[in-house]
């Protein structure tokens, strides 16, 4: 966390934050697909 805060002050913030958001959205997307897949298998 401290490194991220220093990065924000140095101007690295937006790049680091965007990279973090991409990773987070990929995980959310994979999780959502897994839930939908399991749900459709259980229903079908």
N, C-alpha and C. Protein backbone atom coordinates (compact mmCIF):
# COMPACT_ATOMS: atom_id res chain seq x y z
N UNK A 1 0.83 -1.21 0.00
CA UNK A 1 0.00 0.00 0.00
C UNK A 1 0.86 1.26 0.00
N UNK A 2 1.93 1.25 0.77
CA UNK A 2 2.79 2.43 0.85
C UNK A 2 3.43 2.72 -0.49
N UNK A 3 3.85 1.67 -1.20
CA UNK A 3 4.45 1.87 -2.52
C UNK A 3 3.44 2.48 -3.48
N UNK A 4 2.20 2.01 -3.41
CA UNK A 4 1.15 2.55 -4.29
C UNK A 4 0.93 4.02 -4.00
N UNK A 5 0.89 4.39 -2.72
CA UNK A 5 0.68 5.79 -2.36
C UNK A 5 1.83 6.67 -2.85
N UNK A 6 3.05 6.18 -2.73
CA UNK A 6 4.20 6.93 -3.26
C UNK A 6 4.07 7.08 -4.76
N UNK A 7 3.62 6.01 -5.42
CA UNK A 7 3.43 6.05 -6.87
C UNK A 7 2.40 7.09 -7.27
N UNK A 8 1.32 7.18 -6.49
CA UNK A 8 0.29 8.18 -6.78
C UNK A 8 0.88 9.58 -6.74
N UNK A 9 1.70 9.85 -5.73
CA UNK A 9 2.33 11.17 -5.61
C UNK A 9 3.28 11.43 -6.76
N UNK A 10 3.94 10.37 -7.24
CA UNK A 10 4.91 10.52 -8.31
C UNK A 10 4.24 10.59 -9.68
N UNK A 11 2.94 10.29 -9.74
CA UNK A 11 2.23 10.35 -11.01
C UNK A 11 2.07 8.98 -11.67
N UNK A 12 2.50 7.92 -10.99
CA UNK A 12 2.34 6.57 -11.52
C UNK A 12 0.92 6.04 -11.29
N UNK A 13 0.21 6.69 -10.38
CA UNK A 13 -1.09 6.23 -9.92
C UNK A 13 -2.04 5.72 -11.00
N UNK A 14 -2.38 6.56 -11.99
CA UNK A 14 -3.37 6.14 -12.99
C UNK A 14 -3.00 4.85 -13.70
N UNK A 15 -1.72 4.68 -14.06
CA UNK A 15 -1.27 3.48 -14.77
C UNK A 15 -1.41 2.27 -13.85
N UNK A 16 -0.92 2.39 -12.63
CA UNK A 16 -0.98 1.30 -11.67
C UNK A 16 -2.43 0.94 -11.38
N UNK A 17 -3.28 1.95 -11.20
CA UNK A 17 -4.69 1.73 -10.89
C UNK A 17 -5.39 1.04 -12.05
N UNK A 18 -5.10 1.47 -13.28
CA UNK A 18 -5.72 0.85 -14.45
C UNK A 18 -5.33 -0.61 -14.55
N UNK A 19 -4.06 -0.92 -14.32
CA UNK A 19 -3.59 -2.31 -14.37
C UNK A 19 -4.30 -3.15 -13.32
N UNK A 20 -4.46 -2.59 -12.13
CA UNK A 20 -5.16 -3.29 -11.05
C UNK A 20 -6.62 -3.53 -11.43
N UNK A 21 -7.27 -2.51 -12.00
CA UNK A 21 -8.68 -2.63 -12.41
C UNK A 21 -8.84 -3.71 -13.47
N UNK A 22 -7.93 -3.78 -14.44
CA UNK A 22 -8.01 -4.80 -15.49
C UNK A 22 -7.95 -6.18 -14.87
N UNK A 23 -7.00 -6.40 -13.96
CA UNK A 23 -6.87 -7.71 -13.30
C UNK A 23 -8.14 -8.04 -12.51
N UNK A 24 -8.67 -7.03 -11.81
CA UNK A 24 -9.87 -7.25 -11.00
C UNK A 24 -11.05 -7.60 -11.88
N UNK A 25 -11.24 -6.87 -12.99
CA UNK A 25 -12.37 -7.15 -13.88
C UNK A 25 -12.23 -8.50 -14.56
N UNK A 26 -10.99 -8.92 -14.88
CA UNK A 26 -10.79 -10.26 -15.45
C UNK A 26 -11.22 -11.33 -14.45
N UNK A 27 -10.85 -11.16 -13.19
CA UNK A 27 -11.25 -12.13 -12.16
C UNK A 27 -12.76 -12.15 -11.99
N UNK A 28 -13.38 -10.96 -11.99
CA UNK A 28 -14.85 -10.89 -11.87
C UNK A 28 -15.50 -11.57 -13.07
N UNK A 29 -14.97 -11.32 -14.27
CA UNK A 29 -15.51 -11.92 -15.48
C UNK A 29 -15.41 -13.43 -15.46
N UNK A 30 -14.24 -13.95 -15.08
CA UNK A 30 -14.04 -15.40 -15.00
C UNK A 30 -14.99 -16.00 -13.96
N UNK A 31 -15.10 -15.34 -12.82
CA UNK A 31 -16.00 -15.81 -11.77
C UNK A 31 -17.45 -15.83 -12.23
N UNK A 32 -17.87 -14.77 -12.94
CA UNK A 32 -19.25 -14.70 -13.44
C UNK A 32 -19.51 -15.81 -14.45
N UNK A 33 -18.57 -16.03 -15.36
CA UNK A 33 -18.72 -17.10 -16.36
C UNK A 33 -18.82 -18.45 -15.69
N UNK A 34 -18.00 -18.67 -14.67
CA UNK A 34 -18.03 -19.95 -13.94
C UNK A 34 -19.38 -20.15 -13.27
N UNK A 35 -19.90 -19.10 -12.63
CA UNK A 35 -21.21 -19.19 -11.96
C UNK A 35 -22.31 -19.49 -12.97
N UNK A 36 -22.29 -18.77 -14.11
CA UNK A 36 -23.30 -18.99 -15.16
C UNK A 36 -23.19 -20.41 -15.71
N UNK A 37 -21.96 -20.85 -15.96
CA UNK A 37 -21.75 -22.20 -16.49
C UNK A 37 -22.25 -23.27 -15.54
N UNK A 38 -21.91 -23.15 -14.27
CA UNK A 38 -22.35 -24.14 -13.27
C UNK A 38 -23.87 -24.09 -13.15
N UNK A 39 -24.42 -22.88 -13.12
CA UNK A 39 -25.87 -22.72 -13.01
C UNK A 39 -26.61 -23.35 -14.18
N UNK A 40 -26.11 -23.13 -15.40
CA UNK A 40 -26.77 -23.69 -16.58
C UNK A 40 -26.66 -25.21 -16.60
N UNK A 41 -25.54 -25.75 -16.13
CA UNK A 41 -25.38 -27.21 -16.05
C UNK A 41 -26.36 -27.79 -15.03
N UNK A 42 -26.50 -27.10 -13.90
CA UNK A 42 -27.41 -27.58 -12.85
C UNK A 42 -28.87 -27.53 -13.34
N UNK A 43 -29.21 -26.48 -14.07
CA UNK A 43 -30.58 -26.32 -14.58
C UNK A 43 -30.85 -27.28 -15.74
N UNK A 44 -29.89 -27.38 -16.65
CA UNK A 44 -30.08 -28.15 -17.88
C UNK A 44 -29.83 -29.61 -17.70
